[in-house]
PDB file of N, CA and C in Angstrom:
ATOM      1  N   MET A   1     144.452  99.603 173.300  1.00  0.00           N
ATOM      2  CA  MET A   1     145.888  99.731 173.403  1.00  0.00           C
ATOM      3  C   MET A   1     146.514  98.450 172.845  1.00  0.00           C
ATOM      4  N   PRO A   2     147.394  98.573 171.819  1.00  0.00           N
ATOM      5  CA  PRO A   2     148.015  97.377 171.234  1.00  0.00           C
ATOM      6  C   PRO A   2     148.885  96.639 172.252  1.00  0.00           C
ATOM      7  N   ILE A   3     148.850  95.322 172.176  1.00  0.00           N
ATOM      8  CA  ILE A   3     149.687  94.474 173.024  1.00  0.00           C
ATOM      9  C   ILE A   3     150.684  93.756 172.116  1.00  0.00           C
ATOM     10  N   VAL A   4     151.973  93.902 172.442  1.00  0.00           N
ATOM     11  CA  VAL A   4     153.039  93.326 171.624  1.00  0.00           C
ATOM     12  C   VAL A   4     153.713  92.208 172.408  1.00  0.00           C
ATOM     13  N   PRO A   5     153.780  90.997 171.829  1.00  0.00           N
ATOM     14  CA  PRO A   5     154.501  89.909 172.512  1.00  0.00           C
ATOM     15  C   PRO A   5     156.010  90.068 172.292  1.00  0.00           C
ATOM     16  N   ILE A   6     156.770  90.066 173.381  1.00  0.00           N
ATOM     17  CA  ILE A   6     158.223  90.204 173.315  1.00  0.00           C
ATOM     18  C   ILE A   6     158.850  88.922 173.860  1.00  0.00           C
ATOM     19  N   PRO A   7     159.548  88.149 173.008  1.00  0.00           N
ATOM     20  CA  PRO A   7     160.232  86.960 173.516  1.00  0.00           C
ATOM     21  C   PRO A   7     161.330  87.384 174.488  1.00  0.00           C
ATOM     22  N   TYR A   8     161.386  86.733 175.650  1.00  0.00           N
ATOM     23  CA  TYR A   8     162.370  87.063 176.670  1.00  0.00           C
ATOM     24  C   TYR A   8     162.803  85.765 177.342  1.00  0.00           C
ATOM     25  N   GLY A   9     163.970  85.282 176.960  1.00  0.00           N
ATOM     26  CA  GLY A   9     164.443  84.000 177.493  1.00  0.00           C
ATOM     27  C   GLY A   9     163.509  82.885 177.086  1.00  0.00           C
ATOM     28  N   GLU A  10     163.038  82.135 178.059  1.00  0.00           N
ATOM     29  CA  GLU A  10     162.139  81.010 177.813  1.00  0.00           C
ATOM     30  C   GLU A  10     160.670  81.440 177.797  1.00  0.00           C
ATOM     31  N   GLN A  11     160.396  82.704 178.081  1.00  0.00           N
ATOM     32  CA  GLN A  11     159.013  83.162 178.180  1.00  0.00           C
ATOM     33  C   GLN A  11     158.728  84.311 177.220  1.00  0.00           C
ATOM     34  N   THR A  12     157.508  84.777 177.228  1.00  0.00           N
ATOM     35  CA  THR A  12     157.098  85.918 176.415  1.00  0.00           C
ATOM     36  C   THR A  12     156.482  86.964 177.330  1.00  0.00           C
ATOM     37  N   ILE A  13     156.925  88.192 177.168  1.00  0.00           N
ATOM     38  CA  ILE A  13     156.367  89.317 177.922  1.00  0.00           C
ATOM     39  C   ILE A  13     155.399  90.038 176.990  1.00  0.00           C
ATOM     40  N   HIS A  14     154.223  90.375 177.495  1.00  0.00           N
ATOM     41  CA  HIS A  14     153.233  91.102 176.692  1.00  0.00           C
ATOM     42  C   HIS A  14     153.274  92.565 177.100  1.00  0.00           C
ATOM     43  N   LEU A  15     153.696  93.410 176.168  1.00  0.00           N
ATOM     44  CA  LEU A  15     153.900  94.820 176.432  1.00  0.00           C
ATOM     45  C   LEU A  15     152.750  95.626 175.835  1.00  0.00           C
ATOM     46  N   GLN A  16     152.122  96.458 176.655  1.00  0.00           N
ATOM     47  CA  GLN A  16     151.043  97.322 176.178  1.00  0.00           C
ATOM     48  C   GLN A  16     151.633  98.651 175.728  1.00  0.00           C
ATOM     49  N   ILE A  17     151.323  99.050 174.504  1.00  0.00           N
ATOM     50  CA  ILE A  17     151.817 100.304 173.939  1.00  0.00           C
ATOM     51  C   ILE A  17     150.670 101.312 173.939  1.00  0.00           C
ATOM     52  N   PRO A  18     150.836 102.446 174.644  1.00  0.00           N
ATOM     53  CA  PRO A  18     149.765 103.452 174.667  1.00  0.00           C
ATOM     54  C   PRO A  18     149.488 104.029 173.275  1.00  0.00           C
ATOM     55  N   GLU A  19     148.239 104.370 173.030  1.00  0.00           N
ATOM     56  CA  GLU A  19     147.865 104.997 171.761  1.00  0.00           C
ATOM     57  C   GLU A  19     148.722 106.252 171.569  1.00  0.00           C
ATOM     58  N   GLY A  20     149.091 106.521 170.337  1.00  0.00           N
ATOM     59  CA  GLY A  20     149.912 107.684 170.039  1.00  0.00           C
ATOM     60  C   GLY A  20     151.402 107.427 170.168  1.00  0.00           C
ATOM     61  N   HIS A  21     151.785 106.289 170.750  1.00  0.00           N
ATOM     62  CA  HIS A  21     153.193 105.938 170.898  1.00  0.00           C
ATOM     63  C   HIS A  21     153.575 104.773 169.992  1.00  0.00           C
ATOM     64  N   TRP A  22     152.638 104.351 169.194  1.00  0.00           N
ATOM     65  CA  TRP A  22     152.850 103.189 168.332  1.00  0.00           C
ATOM     66  C   TRP A  22     153.595 103.605 167.073  1.00  0.00           C
ATOM     67  N   GLY A  23     154.625 102.881 166.750  1.00  0.00           N
ATOM     68  CA  GLY A  23     155.381 103.137 165.523  1.00  0.00           C
ATOM     69  C   GLY A  23     155.275 101.919 164.632  1.00  0.00           C
ATOM     70  N   GLU A  24     156.396 101.387 164.251  1.00  0.00           N
ATOM     71  CA  GLU A  24     156.440 100.212 163.390  1.00  0.00           C
ATOM     72  C   GLU A  24     157.037  99.058 164.186  1.00  0.00           C
ATOM     73  N   LEU A  25     156.500  97.883 164.013  1.00  0.00           N
ATOM     74  CA  LEU A  25     156.994  96.702 164.689  1.00  0.00           C
ATOM     75  C   LEU A  25     157.917  95.943 163.737  1.00  0.00           C
ATOM     76  N   LEU A  26     159.177  95.780 164.128  1.00  0.00           N
ATOM     77  CA  LEU A  26     160.166  95.116 163.288  1.00  0.00           C
ATOM     78  C   LEU A  26     160.594  93.810 163.933  1.00  0.00           C
ATOM     79  N   PHE A  27     160.779  92.796 163.128  1.00  0.00           N
ATOM     80  CA  PHE A  27     161.236  91.501 163.594  1.00  0.00           C
ATOM     81  C   PHE A  27     162.521  91.140 162.863  1.00  0.00           C
ATOM     82  N   PRO A  28     163.457  90.465 163.530  1.00  0.00           N
ATOM     83  CA  PRO A  28     164.671  90.030 162.841  1.00  0.00           C
ATOM     84  C   PRO A  28     164.343  88.949 161.820  1.00  0.00           C
ATOM     85  N   ALA A  29     165.180  88.872 160.803  1.00  0.00           N
ATOM     86  CA  ALA A  29     165.003  87.819 159.803  1.00  0.00           C
ATOM     87  C   ALA A  29     165.272  86.475 160.462  1.00  0.00           C
ATOM     88  N   PRO A  30     164.480  85.466 160.154  1.00  0.00           N
ATOM     89  CA  PRO A  30     164.724  84.153 160.751  1.00  0.00           C
ATOM     90  C   PRO A  30     166.066  83.596 160.280  1.00  0.00           C
ATOM     91  N   THR A  31     166.798  83.009 161.195  1.00  0.00           N
ATOM     92  CA  THR A  31     168.078  82.398 160.865  1.00  0.00           C
ATOM     93  C   THR A  31     168.145  81.022 161.509  1.00  0.00           C
ATOM     94  N   ALA A  32     168.947  80.192 160.927  1.00  0.00           N
ATOM     95  CA  ALA A  32     169.131  78.855 161.489  1.00  0.00           C
ATOM     96  C   ALA A  32     170.082  78.940 162.679  1.00  0.00           C
ATOM     97  N   ALA A  33     169.830  78.164 163.688  1.00  0.00           N
ATOM     98  CA  ALA A  33     170.710  78.118 164.849  1.00  0.00           C
ATOM     99  C   ALA A  33     172.022  77.450 164.450  1.00  0.00           C
ATOM    100  N   ILE A  34     173.133  77.990 164.955  1.00  0.00           N
ATOM    101  CA  ILE A  34     174.434  77.384 164.687  1.00  0.00           C
ATOM    102  C   ILE A  34     175.166  77.207 166.013  1.00  0.00           C
ATOM    103  N   HIS A  35     176.132  76.347 166.022  1.00  0.00           N
ATOM    104  CA  HIS A  35     176.972  76.126 167.200  1.00  0.00           C
ATOM    105  C   HIS A  35     177.782  77.399 167.436  1.00  0.00           C
ATOM    106  N   MET A  36     177.841  77.851 168.694  1.00  0.00           N
ATOM    107  CA  MET A  36     178.461  79.131 169.002  1.00  0.00           C
ATOM    108  C   MET A  36     179.922  79.198 168.555  1.00  0.00           C
ATOM    109  N   GLU A  37     180.722  78.183 168.879  1.00  0.00           N
ATOM    110  CA  GLU A  37     182.133  78.204 168.501  1.00  0.00           C
ATOM    111  C   GLU A  37     182.294  78.224 166.988  1.00  0.00           C
ATOM    112  N   LYS A  38     181.507  77.428 166.311  1.00  0.00           N
ATOM    113  CA  LYS A  38     181.571  77.387 164.850  1.00  0.00           C
ATOM    114  C   LYS A  38     181.197  78.757 164.258  1.00  0.00           C
ATOM    115  N   GLY A  39     180.190  79.390 164.820  1.00  0.00           N
ATOM    116  CA  GLY A  39     179.766  80.692 164.336  1.00  0.00           C
ATOM    117  C   GLY A  39     180.816  81.771 164.531  1.00  0.00           C
ATOM    118  N   VAL A  40     181.462  81.777 165.707  1.00  0.00           N
ATOM    119  CA  VAL A  40     182.515  82.765 165.956  1.00  0.00           C
ATOM    120  C   VAL A  40     183.693  82.519 165.026  1.00  0.00           C
ATOM    121  N   ARG A  41     184.115  81.264 164.904  1.00  0.00           N
ATOM    122  CA  ARG A  41     185.238  80.950 163.998  1.00  0.00           C
ATOM    123  C   ARG A  41     184.915  81.353 162.559  1.00  0.00           C
ATOM    124  N   GLN A  42     183.697  81.076 162.118  1.00  0.00           N
ATOM    125  CA  GLN A  42     183.294  81.441 160.762  1.00  0.00           C
ATOM    126  C   GLN A  42     183.319  82.953 160.578  1.00  0.00           C
ATOM    127  N   ALA A  43     182.840  83.702 161.570  1.00  0.00           N
ATOM    128  CA  ALA A  43     182.829  85.167 161.484  1.00  0.00           C
ATOM    129  C   ALA A  43     184.249  85.722 161.426  1.00  0.00           C
ATOM    130  N   VAL A  44     185.183  85.103 162.148  1.00  0.00           N
ATOM    131  CA  VAL A  44     186.569  85.555 162.165  1.00  0.00           C
ATOM    132  C   VAL A  44     187.275  85.205 160.856  1.00  0.00           C
ATOM    133  N   GLU A  45     187.063  83.993 160.378  1.00  0.00           N
ATOM    134  CA  GLU A  45     187.770  83.511 159.204  1.00  0.00           C
ATOM    135  C   GLU A  45     187.128  83.928 157.882  1.00  0.00           C
ATOM    136  N   ASN A  46     185.812  84.076 157.871  1.00  0.00           N
ATOM    137  CA  ASN A  46     185.101  84.383 156.634  1.00  0.00           C
ATOM    138  C   ASN A  46     183.898  85.285 156.939  1.00  0.00           C
ATOM    139  N   PRO A  47     184.138  86.548 157.288  1.00  0.00           N
ATOM    140  CA  PRO A  47     183.026  87.437 157.647  1.00  0.00           C
ATOM    141  C   PRO A  47     182.133  87.751 156.451  1.00  0.00           C
ATOM    142  N   ASP A  48     180.895  88.134 156.744  1.00  0.00           N
ATOM    143  CA  ASP A  48     179.956  88.492 155.676  1.00  0.00           C
ATOM    144  C   ASP A  48     180.465  89.689 154.876  1.00  0.00           C
ATOM    145  N   ARG A  49     181.039  90.658 155.585  1.00  0.00           N
ATOM    146  CA  ARG A  49     181.587  91.855 154.934  1.00  0.00           C
ATOM    147  C   ARG A  49     182.995  92.071 155.468  1.00  0.00           C
ATOM    148  N   GLY A  50     183.868  92.556 154.630  1.00  0.00           N
ATOM    149  CA  GLY A  50     185.223  92.835 155.065  1.00  0.00           C
ATOM    150  C   GLY A  50     186.126  91.629 154.951  1.00  0.00           C
ATOM    151  N   GLU A  51     187.320  91.795 155.461  1.00  0.00           N
ATOM    152  CA  GLU A  51     188.332  90.754 155.338  1.00  0.00           C
ATOM    153  C   GLU A  51     188.437  89.939 156.620  1.00  0.00           C
ATOM    154  N   PRO A  52     188.988  88.730 156.516  1.00  0.00           N
ATOM    155  CA  PRO A  52     189.183  87.918 157.715  1.00  0.00           C
ATOM    156  C   PRO A  52     190.046  88.660 158.746  1.00  0.00           C
ATOM    157  N   LEU A  53     189.883  88.333 160.015  1.00  0.00           N
ATOM    158  CA  LEU A  53     190.574  89.029 161.089  1.00  0.00           C
ATOM    159  C   LEU A  53     192.083  89.053 160.879  1.00  0.00           C
ATOM    160  N   PHE A  54     192.681  87.923 160.529  1.00  0.00           N
ATOM    161  CA  PHE A  54     194.138  87.866 160.361  1.00  0.00           C
ATOM    162  C   PHE A  54     194.598  88.831 159.266  1.00  0.00           C
ATOM    163  N   GLU A  55     193.857  88.915 158.162  1.00  0.00           N
ATOM    164  CA  GLU A  55     194.206  89.865 157.101  1.00  0.00           C
ATOM    165  C   GLU A  55     194.001  91.300 157.570  1.00  0.00           C
ATOM    166  N   PHE A  56     192.939  91.545 158.312  1.00  0.00           N
ATOM    167  CA  PHE A  56     192.671  92.884 158.841  1.00  0.00           C
ATOM    168  C   PHE A  56     193.815  93.346 159.744  1.00  0.00           C
ATOM    169  N   LEU A  57     194.372  92.415 160.525  1.00  0.00           N
ATOM    170  CA  LEU A  57     195.438  92.755 161.459  1.00  0.00           C
ATOM    171  C   LEU A  57     196.829  92.739 160.831  1.00  0.00           C
ATOM    172  N   ALA A  58     196.948  92.253 159.611  1.00  0.00           N
ATOM    173  CA  ALA A  58     198.260  92.165 158.962  1.00  0.00           C
ATOM    174  C   ALA A  58     198.917  93.543 158.927  1.00  0.00           C
ATOM    175  N   GLY A  59     200.162  93.577 159.340  1.00  0.00           N
ATOM    176  CA  GLY A  59     200.914  94.828 159.305  1.00  0.00           C
ATOM    177  C   GLY A  59     200.713  95.727 160.511  1.00  0.00           C
ATOM    178  N   CYS A  60     199.868  95.332 161.445  1.00  0.00           N
ATOM    179  CA  CYS A  60     199.687  96.197 162.614  1.00  0.00           C
ATOM    180  C   CYS A  60     200.929  96.106 163.499  1.00  0.00           C
ATOM    181  N   ARG A  61     201.302  97.243 164.095  1.00  0.00           N
ATOM    182  CA  ARG A  61     202.489  97.291 164.952  1.00  0.00           C
ATOM    183  C   ARG A  61     202.141  97.000 166.400  1.00  0.00           C
ATOM    184  N   SER A  62     200.921  97.309 166.789  1.00  0.00           N
ATOM    185  CA  SER A  62     200.488  97.028 168.156  1.00  0.00           C
ATOM    186  C   SER A  62     198.995  96.729 168.128  1.00  0.00           C
ATOM    187  N   LEU A  63     198.548  96.012 169.140  1.00  0.00           N
ATOM    188  CA  LEU A  63     197.149  95.591 169.173  1.00  0.00           C
ATOM    189  C   LEU A  63     196.603  95.784 170.575  1.00  0.00           C
ATOM    190  N   LEU A  64     195.488  96.483 170.680  1.00  0.00           N
ATOM    191  CA  LEU A  64     194.794  96.654 171.942  1.00  0.00           C
ATOM    192  C   LEU A  64     193.447  95.958 171.824  1.00  0.00           C
ATOM    193  N   VAL A  65     193.182  95.029 172.737  1.00  0.00           N
ATOM    194  CA  VAL A  65     191.926  94.293 172.767  1.00  0.00           C
ATOM    195  C   VAL A  65     191.154  94.762 173.995  1.00  0.00           C
ATOM    196  N   ILE A  66     189.963  95.300 173.799  1.00  0.00           N
ATOM    197  CA  ILE A  66     189.136  95.755 174.909  1.00  0.00           C
ATOM    198  C   ILE A  66     188.074  94.706 175.173  1.00  0.00           C
ATOM    199  N   VAL A  67     187.992  94.259 176.417  1.00  0.00           N
ATOM    200  CA  VAL A  67     187.051  93.209 176.801  1.00  0.00           C
ATOM    201  C   VAL A  67     186.245  93.644 178.014  1.00  0.00           C
ATOM    202  N   ASN A  68     185.099  93.030 178.203  1.00  0.00           N
ATOM    203  CA  ASN A  68     184.278  93.264 179.395  1.00  0.00           C
ATOM    204  C   ASN A  68     184.873  92.536 180.590  1.00  0.00           C
ATOM    205  N   ASP A  69     184.566  93.041 181.785  1.00  0.00           N
ATOM    206  CA  ASP A  69     184.958  92.307 182.984  1.00  0.00           C
ATOM    207  C   ASP A  69     183.916  91.226 183.257  1.00  0.00           C
ATOM    208  N   ARG A  70     184.117  90.486 184.323  1.00  0.00           N
ATOM    209  CA  ARG A  70     183.247  89.350 184.601  1.00  0.00           C
ATOM    210  C   ARG A  70     181.851  89.732 185.081  1.00  0.00           C
ATOM    211  N   THR A  71     181.598  91.029 185.306  1.00  0.00           N
ATOM    212  CA  THR A  71     180.256  91.435 185.725  1.00  0.00           C
ATOM    213  C   THR A  71     179.286  91.504 184.551  1.00  0.00           C
ATOM    214  N   ARG A  72     179.787  91.408 183.353  1.00  0.00           N
ATOM    215  CA  ARG A  72     178.947  91.452 182.148  1.00  0.00           C
ATOM    216  C   ARG A  72     178.617  90.028 181.705  1.00  0.00           C
ATOM    217  N   PRO A  73     177.486  89.838 181.024  1.00  0.00           N
ATOM    218  CA  PRO A  73     177.107  88.490 180.595  1.00  0.00           C
ATOM    219  C   PRO A  73     177.840  87.988 179.353  1.00  0.00           C
ATOM    220  N   THR A  74     178.773  88.760 178.819  1.00  0.00           N
ATOM    221  CA  THR A  74     179.531  88.342 177.641  1.00  0.00           C
ATOM    222  C   THR A  74     180.457  87.181 178.003  1.00  0.00           C
ATOM    223  N   PRO A  75     180.490  86.132 177.206  1.00  0.00           N
ATOM    224  CA  PRO A  75     181.413  85.018 177.492  1.00  0.00           C
ATOM    225  C   PRO A  75     182.837  85.366 177.028  1.00  0.00           C
ATOM    226  N   THR A  76     183.422  86.396 177.654  1.00  0.00           N
ATOM    227  CA  THR A  76     184.709  86.948 177.227  1.00  0.00           C
ATOM    228  C   THR A  76     185.811  85.899 177.167  1.00  0.00           C
ATOM    229  N   ALA A  77     185.986  85.116 178.214  1.00  0.00           N
ATOM    230  CA  ALA A  77     187.056  84.117 178.239  1.00  0.00           C
ATOM    231  C   ALA A  77     186.887  83.121 177.096  1.00  0.00           C
ATOM    232  N   TRP A  78     185.673  82.717 176.847  1.00  0.00           N
ATOM    233  CA  TRP A  78     185.411  81.747 175.786  1.00  0.00           C
ATOM    234  C   TRP A  78     185.716  82.358 174.407  1.00  0.00           C
ATOM    235  N   ILE A  79     185.289  83.597 174.195  1.00  0.00           N
ATOM    236  CA  ILE A  79     185.530  84.261 172.905  1.00  0.00           C
ATOM    237  C   ILE A  79     187.025  84.460 172.684  1.00  0.00           C
ATOM    238  N   LEU A  80     187.747  84.876 173.739  1.00  0.00           N
ATOM    239  CA  LEU A  80     189.197  85.046 173.596  1.00  0.00           C
ATOM    240  C   LEU A  80     189.889  83.725 173.286  1.00  0.00           C
ATOM    241  N   LYS A  81     189.397  82.634 173.853  1.00  0.00           N
ATOM    242  CA  LYS A  81     189.966  81.315 173.547  1.00  0.00           C
ATOM    243  C   LYS A  81     189.811  81.007 172.054  1.00  0.00           C
ATOM    244  N   VAL A  82     188.662  81.337 171.497  1.00  0.00           N
ATOM    245  CA  VAL A  82     188.426  81.108 170.067  1.00  0.00           C
ATOM    246  C   VAL A  82     189.302  82.027 169.222  1.00  0.00           C
ATOM    247  N   LEU A  83     189.474  83.284 169.663  1.00  0.00           N
ATOM    248  CA  LEU A  83     190.252  84.256 168.897  1.00  0.00           C
ATOM    249  C   LEU A  83     191.758  84.118 169.092  1.00  0.00           C
ATOM    250  N   TRP A  84     192.189  83.424 170.144  1.00  0.00           N
ATOM    251  CA  TRP A  84     193.604  83.375 170.484  1.00  0.00           C
ATOM    252  C   TRP A  84     194.515  82.934 169.345  1.00  0.00           C
ATOM    253  N   PRO A  85     194.168  81.952 168.521  1.00  0.00           N
ATOM    254  CA  PRO A  85     195.064  81.600 167.410  1.00  0.00           C
ATOM    255  C   PRO A  85     195.382  82.793 166.500  1.00  0.00           C
ATOM    256  N   GLU A  86     194.433  83.689 166.310  1.00  0.00           N
ATOM    257  CA  GLU A  86     194.663  84.883 165.493  1.00  0.00           C
ATOM    258  C   GLU A  86     195.431  85.944 166.280  1.00  0.00           C
ATOM    259  N   LEU A  87     195.081  86.134 167.557  1.00  0.00           N
ATOM    260  CA  LEU A  87     195.665  87.198 168.363  1.00  0.00           C
ATOM    261  C   LEU A  87     197.082  86.887 168.841  1.00  0.00           C
ATOM    262  N   SER A  88     197.398  85.606 169.009  1.00  0.00           N
ATOM    263  CA  SER A  88     198.691  85.227 169.588  1.00  0.00           C
ATOM    264  C   SER A  88     199.877  85.591 168.703  1.00  0.00           C
ATOM    265  N   ALA A  89     199.652  85.881 167.446  1.00  0.00           N
ATOM    266  CA  ALA A  89     200.732  86.266 166.546  1.00  0.00           C
ATOM    267  C   ALA A  89     201.205  87.703 166.805  1.00  0.00           C
ATOM    268  N   PHE A  90     200.464  88.446 167.632  1.00  0.00           N
ATOM    269  CA  PHE A  90     200.765  89.848 167.883  1.00  0.00           C
ATOM    270  C   PHE A  90     201.129  90.067 169.347  1.00  0.00           C
ATOM    271  N   SER A  91     201.847  91.128 169.591  1.00  0.00           N
ATOM    272  CA  SER A  91     202.127  91.542 170.971  1.00  0.00           C
ATOM    273  C   SER A  91     200.922  92.357 171.429  1.00  0.00           C
ATOM    274  N   ALA A  92     199.900  91.672 171.894  1.00  0.00           N
ATOM    275  CA  ALA A  92     198.632  92.311 172.242  1.00  0.00           C
ATOM    276  C   ALA A  92     198.633  92.808 173.673  1.00  0.00           C
ATOM    277  N   LYS A  93     197.926  93.906 173.903  1.00  0.00           N
ATOM    278  CA  LYS A  93     197.642  94.396 175.245  1.00  0.00           C
ATOM    279  C   LYS A  93     196.136  94.337 175.415  1.00  0.00           C
ATOM    280  N   PHE A  94     195.713  94.085 176.645  1.00  0.00           N
ATOM    281  CA  PHE A  94     194.290  93.938 176.936  1.00  0.00           C
ATOM    282  C   PHE A  94     193.845  95.020 177.901  1.00  0.00           C
ATOM    283  N   LEU A  95     192.693  95.598 177.620  1.00  0.00           N
ATOM    284  CA  LEU A  95     192.089  96.601 178.484  1.00  0.00           C
ATOM    285  C   LEU A  95     190.734  96.051 178.916  1.00  0.00           C
ATOM    286  N   VAL A  96     190.541  95.925 180.220  1.00  0.00           N
ATOM    287  CA  VAL A  96     189.310  95.348 180.754  1.00  0.00           C
ATOM    288  C   VAL A  96     188.377  96.473 181.185  1.00  0.00           C
ATOM    289  N   ALA A  97     187.208  96.541 180.556  1.00  0.00           N
ATOM    290  CA  ALA A  97     186.208  97.542 180.915  1.00  0.00           C
ATOM    291  C   ALA A  97     185.499  97.062 182.172  1.00  0.00           C
ATOM    292  N   THR A  98     185.612  97.838 183.233  1.00  0.00           N
ATOM    293  CA  THR A  98     185.009  97.449 184.500  1.00  0.00           C
ATOM    294  C   THR A  98     183.742  98.239 184.767  1.00  0.00           C
ATOM    295  N   LYS A  99     182.893  97.694 185.568  1.00  0.00           N
ATOM    296  CA  LYS A  99     181.601  98.306 185.871  1.00  0.00           C
ATOM    297  C   LYS A  99     181.782  99.498 186.813  1.00  0.00           C
ATOM    298  N   GLY A 100     181.473 100.678 186.318  1.00  0.00           N
ATOM    299  CA  GLY A 100     181.435 101.861 187.153  1.00  0.00           C
ATOM    300  C   GLY A 100     182.765 102.496 187.482  1.00  0.00           C
ATOM    301  N   ALA A 101     183.841 101.734 187.562  1.00  0.00           N
ATOM    302  CA  ALA A 101     185.115 102.287 188.023  1.00  0.00           C
ATOM    303  C   ALA A 101     186.053 102.662 186.891  1.00  0.00           C
ATOM    304  N   GLY A 102     185.640 102.584 185.657  1.00  0.00           N
ATOM    305  CA  GLY A 102     186.514 102.930 184.541  1.00  0.00           C
ATOM    306  C   GLY A 102     187.146 101.702 183.939  1.00  0.00           C
ATOM    307  N   PHE A 103     188.462 101.760 183.740  1.00  0.00           N
ATOM    308  CA  PHE A 103     189.168 100.671 183.083  1.00  0.00           C
ATOM    309  C   PHE A 103     190.278 100.124 183.965  1.00  0.00           C
ATOM    310  N   SER A 104     190.558  98.847 183.834  1.00  0.00           N
ATOM    311  CA  SER A 104     191.723  98.214 184.431  1.00  0.00           C
ATOM    312  C   SER A 104     192.635  97.819 183.290  1.00  0.00           C
ATOM    313  N   ARG A 105     193.901  98.136 183.423  1.00  0.00           N
ATOM    314  CA  ARG A 105     194.833  97.792 182.355  1.00  0.00           C
ATOM    315  C   ARG A 105     195.518  96.469 182.654  1.00  0.00           C
ATOM    316  N   ILE A 106     195.562  95.630 181.670  1.00  0.00           N
ATOM    317  CA  ILE A 106     196.315  94.380 181.749  1.00  0.00           C
ATOM    318  C   ILE A 106     197.144  94.332 180.482  1.00  0.00           C
ATOM    319  N   SER A 107     198.461  94.295 180.621  1.00  0.00           N
ATOM    320  CA  SER A 107     199.301  94.326 179.426  1.00  0.00           C
ATOM    321  C   SER A 107     199.925  92.964 179.206  1.00  0.00           C
ATOM    322  N   GLY A 108     200.401  92.769 178.001  1.00  0.00           N
ATOM    323  CA  GLY A 108     201.070  91.513 177.659  1.00  0.00           C
ATOM    324  C   GLY A 108     200.139  90.344 177.777  1.00  0.00           C
ATOM    325  N   HIS A 109     200.667  89.236 178.211  1.00  0.00           N
ATOM    326  CA  HIS A 109     199.891  87.998 178.301  1.00  0.00           C
ATOM    327  C   HIS A 109     199.503  87.715 179.745  1.00  0.00           C
ATOM    328  N   GLY A 110     198.718  88.617 180.328  1.00  0.00           N
ATOM    329  CA  GLY A 110     198.185  88.365 181.652  1.00  0.00           C
ATOM    330  C   GLY A 110     198.879  89.079 182.784  1.00  0.00           C
ATOM    331  N   SER A 111     199.978  89.803 182.540  1.00  0.00           N
ATOM    332  CA  SER A 111     200.626  90.510 183.638  1.00  0.00           C
ATOM    333  C   SER A 111     199.939  91.852 183.845  1.00  0.00           C
ATOM    334  N   LYS A 112     199.677  92.201 185.093  1.00  0.00           N
ATOM    335  CA  LYS A 112     198.983  93.454 185.395  1.00  0.00           C
ATOM    336  C   LYS A 112     199.971  94.604 185.485  1.00  0.00           C
ATOM    337  N   THR A 113     199.522  95.770 185.006  1.00  0.00           N
ATOM    338  CA  THR A 113     200.314  96.992 185.158  1.00  0.00           C
ATOM    339  C   THR A 113     199.398  98.082 185.661  1.00  0.00           C
ATOM    340  N   GLY A 114     199.981  99.060 186.356  1.00  0.00           N
ATOM    341  CA  GLY A 114     199.262 100.259 186.800  1.00  0.00           C
ATOM    342  C   GLY A 114     197.997 100.038 187.426  1.00  0.00           C
TER     343      GLY A 114
END
């Protein structure tokens, strides 16, 4: 039975794959580590494909930003801080995806509704 090493955090998990269930093993292309803030700013200002965020949003009449709630491991507050210079030019509404209970609506700049 093939054993596949899976990097997981600081350790490696060795996963046994039963015969007949083996497919192809794919690995991501190696990339250089970058500073998180610099990487997010670069992706917003100069994405690999498509136009920069500000150009993409040009001419929009309304903007809805959907974010995770604090139960998710996404650094939502930090990402919004990085994106705020682009988003602040618009009258944005925020929708917070909550765990299990659906959505919580937050409109405007932090005021709760409904």
